[in-house]
């Protein structure tokens, strides 16, 4: 696990951009944290850094937002309103064109989602945030390594 200190909104945006710059060709990213912890902020910054133009909407009500990338699509899911993982069956989440899955509140879709390559846990601490990066696959291990290079690490374990 790698722990990063994000002292302000700019640092949170920078982490999203860094995740974009270092992302693997195909990846699943799970975003955990309380309401207001920065999950959508990270997703928005990541998508913007990947060249997504126009509005980047939070999928809180739509559940899924799709964004074109140079090499396929990114799908941003917000499962906060999902009561049962079985509900995901009706969303058609098996597209071969998806290169990046960004999933907020993934714990609500346990058993119906792909295993994450990387999990980012966000929590508030004083005026900033702590981001804990957990690799869930060999792809994720490499991704965490690329994200961490040259960044201030609050703690490493």
Protein backbone atom coordinates (compact mmCIF):
# COMPACT_ATOMS: atom_id res chain seq x y z
CA UNK A 1 0.00 0.00 0.00
CA UNK A 2 1.18 3.49 -0.83
CA UNK A 3 -0.13 6.47 1.10
CA UNK A 4 -0.10 9.97 -0.38
CA UNK A 5 -0.87 13.26 1.36
CA UNK A 6 -3.10 15.56 -0.70
CA UNK A 7 -3.04 18.94 1.09
CA UNK A 8 -5.62 20.65 -1.16
CA UNK A 9 -7.90 20.35 -4.19
CA UNK A 10 -5.00 21.02 -6.57
CA UNK A 11 -3.10 18.05 -5.16
CA UNK A 12 -6.20 15.87 -5.56
CA UNK A 13 -6.50 16.97 -9.20
CA UNK A 14 -2.78 16.30 -9.67
CA UNK A 15 -3.21 12.72 -8.42
CA UNK A 16 -6.03 12.20 -10.94
CA UNK A 17 -3.78 13.55 -13.71
CA UNK A 18 -0.91 11.35 -12.55
CA UNK A 19 -3.19 8.29 -12.63
CA UNK A 20 -4.09 9.21 -16.21
CA UNK A 21 -0.48 9.75 -17.32
CA UNK A 22 0.60 6.40 -15.90
CA UNK A 23 -2.47 4.28 -16.62
CA UNK A 24 -2.12 0.89 -18.24
CA UNK A 25 -3.73 0.18 -21.63
CA UNK A 26 -6.68 -1.49 -19.89
CA UNK A 27 -7.53 -1.08 -16.21
CA UNK A 28 -10.17 -1.20 -13.52
CA UNK A 29 -9.93 1.52 -10.85
CA UNK A 30 -12.11 1.39 -7.73
CA UNK A 31 -12.59 4.60 -5.75
CA UNK A 32 -13.53 4.35 -2.08
CA UNK A 33 -14.32 7.07 0.43
CA UNK A 34 -17.07 8.84 2.29
CA UNK A 35 -19.30 11.40 0.61
CA UNK A 36 -17.16 14.42 -0.24
CA UNK A 37 -13.85 12.53 0.08
CA UNK A 38 -12.84 13.31 -3.52
CA UNK A 39 -13.82 10.25 -5.57
CA UNK A 40 -15.52 12.27 -8.32
CA UNK A 41 -12.75 14.86 -8.21
CA UNK A 42 -10.13 12.19 -8.91
CA UNK A 43 -12.27 10.68 -11.70
CA UNK A 44 -12.88 14.08 -13.32
CA UNK A 45 -9.19 15.06 -13.20
CA UNK A 46 -8.18 11.67 -14.62
CA UNK A 47 -10.66 11.91 -17.50
CA UNK A 48 -9.70 15.51 -18.24
CA UNK A 49 -6.00 14.49 -18.37
CA UNK A 50 -6.94 11.74 -20.84
CA UNK A 51 -8.33 14.39 -23.16
CA UNK A 52 -12.04 14.18 -22.43
CA UNK A 53 -13.64 17.42 -23.64
CA UNK A 54 -16.90 19.00 -22.53
CA UNK A 55 -18.85 18.28 -19.38
CA UNK A 56 -17.72 15.44 -17.16
CA UNK A 57 -20.82 14.61 -15.19
CA UNK A 58 -20.99 12.64 -11.98
CA UNK A 59 -22.96 9.46 -12.68
CA UNK A 60 -24.76 9.64 -9.33
CA UNK A 61 -28.19 9.56 -11.00
CA UNK A 62 -27.38 8.01 -14.38
CA UNK A 63 -25.20 5.28 -12.76
CA UNK A 64 -22.90 5.15 -15.82
CA UNK A 65 -21.28 7.86 -17.94
CA UNK A 66 -19.27 6.89 -21.02
CA UNK A 67 -16.39 8.95 -22.36
CA UNK A 68 -14.44 8.50 -25.61
CA UNK A 69 -10.70 8.00 -25.32
CA UNK A 70 -8.10 7.82 -28.08
CA UNK A 71 -7.91 4.03 -27.62
CA UNK A 72 -11.51 3.14 -26.71
CA UNK A 73 -13.82 4.26 -23.93
CA UNK A 74 -13.73 5.08 -20.25
CA UNK A 75 -16.81 4.18 -18.22
CA UNK A 76 -17.41 6.05 -14.97
CA UNK A 77 -19.81 4.28 -12.61
CA UNK A 78 -21.29 5.56 -9.37
CA UNK A 79 -22.99 2.73 -7.52
CA UNK A 80 -24.15 4.75 -4.51
CA UNK A 81 -27.80 4.23 -5.44
CA UNK A 82 -27.47 0.50 -6.12
CA UNK A 83 -29.26 -1.56 -3.48
CA UNK A 84 -28.22 -5.00 -4.75
CA UNK A 85 -25.31 -6.09 -6.97
CA UNK A 86 -27.81 -7.95 -9.17
CA UNK A 87 -29.08 -4.57 -10.41
CA UNK A 88 -25.83 -4.16 -12.36
CA UNK A 89 -26.91 -6.93 -14.72
CA UNK A 90 -29.31 -4.47 -16.39
CA UNK A 91 -26.59 -1.88 -17.09
CA UNK A 92 -24.82 -3.90 -19.81
CA UNK A 93 -21.36 -3.50 -18.31
CA UNK A 94 -19.51 -5.95 -20.56
CA UNK A 95 -18.34 -3.73 -23.43
CA UNK A 96 -15.13 -4.80 -25.13
CA UNK A 97 -14.33 -1.18 -26.04
CA UNK A 98 -13.86 -0.15 -22.41
CA UNK A 99 -10.22 0.59 -21.67
CA UNK A 100 -10.76 2.20 -18.28
CA UNK A 101 -13.36 1.49 -15.62
CA UNK A 102 -13.73 4.12 -12.88
CA UNK A 103 -16.03 2.80 -10.17
CA UNK A 104 -17.23 4.84 -7.20
CA UNK A 105 -18.85 2.95 -4.32
CA UNK A 106 -17.67 -0.43 -5.71
CA UNK A 107 -18.59 -2.18 -2.45
CA UNK A 108 -22.22 -1.93 -3.60
CA UNK A 109 -21.45 -4.08 -6.62
CA UNK A 110 -19.43 -6.84 -4.96
CA UNK A 111 -19.62 -10.02 -7.00
CA UNK A 112 -20.85 -8.25 -10.13
CA UNK A 113 -17.76 -6.14 -10.86
CA UNK A 114 -14.37 -7.01 -12.24
CA UNK A 115 -11.55 -7.23 -9.73
CA UNK A 116 -9.77 -3.88 -9.49
CA UNK A 117 -6.26 -3.39 -10.77
CA UNK A 118 -6.01 -0.43 -8.44
CA UNK A 119 -8.07 0.75 -5.49
CA UNK A 120 -7.79 4.32 -4.25
CA UNK A 121 -9.14 4.91 -0.74
CA UNK A 122 -9.68 8.57 0.08
CA UNK A 123 -10.18 9.99 3.56
CA UNK A 124 -10.22 13.48 4.98
CA UNK A 125 -7.43 14.54 7.31
CA UNK A 126 -7.41 18.10 8.60
CA UNK A 127 -7.45 20.50 5.65
CA UNK A 128 -6.53 17.82 3.12
CA UNK A 129 -6.91 14.19 2.18
CA UNK A 130 -5.03 10.96 2.44
CA UNK A 131 -5.04 8.71 -0.63
CA UNK A 132 -4.17 5.07 -0.08
CA UNK A 133 -3.33 3.16 -3.24
CA UNK A 134 -3.78 -0.62 -3.16
CA UNK A 135 -2.74 -2.78 -6.11
CA UNK A 136 -5.12 -5.63 -6.89
CA UNK A 137 -3.25 -7.21 -9.78
CA UNK A 138 0.21 -7.25 -11.39
CA UNK A 139 -1.02 -4.43 -13.64
CA UNK A 140 -1.96 -2.51 -10.50
CA UNK A 141 1.42 -3.10 -8.86
CA UNK A 142 3.15 -1.54 -11.86
CA UNK A 143 0.62 1.31 -11.95
CA UNK A 144 1.17 2.18 -8.27
CA UNK A 145 4.91 2.17 -8.89
CA UNK A 146 4.57 4.65 -11.75
CA UNK A 147 2.19 6.91 -9.79
CA UNK A 148 4.43 6.98 -6.72
CA UNK A 149 7.66 7.94 -8.48
CA UNK A 150 8.55 11.52 -7.59
CA UNK A 151 5.56 12.07 -5.28
CA UNK A 152 5.67 12.86 -1.60
CA UNK A 153 4.66 9.75 0.25
CA UNK A 154 3.17 10.18 3.71
CA UNK A 155 3.78 6.56 4.59
CA UNK A 156 4.57 3.33 2.80
CA UNK A 157 3.74 -0.13 3.99
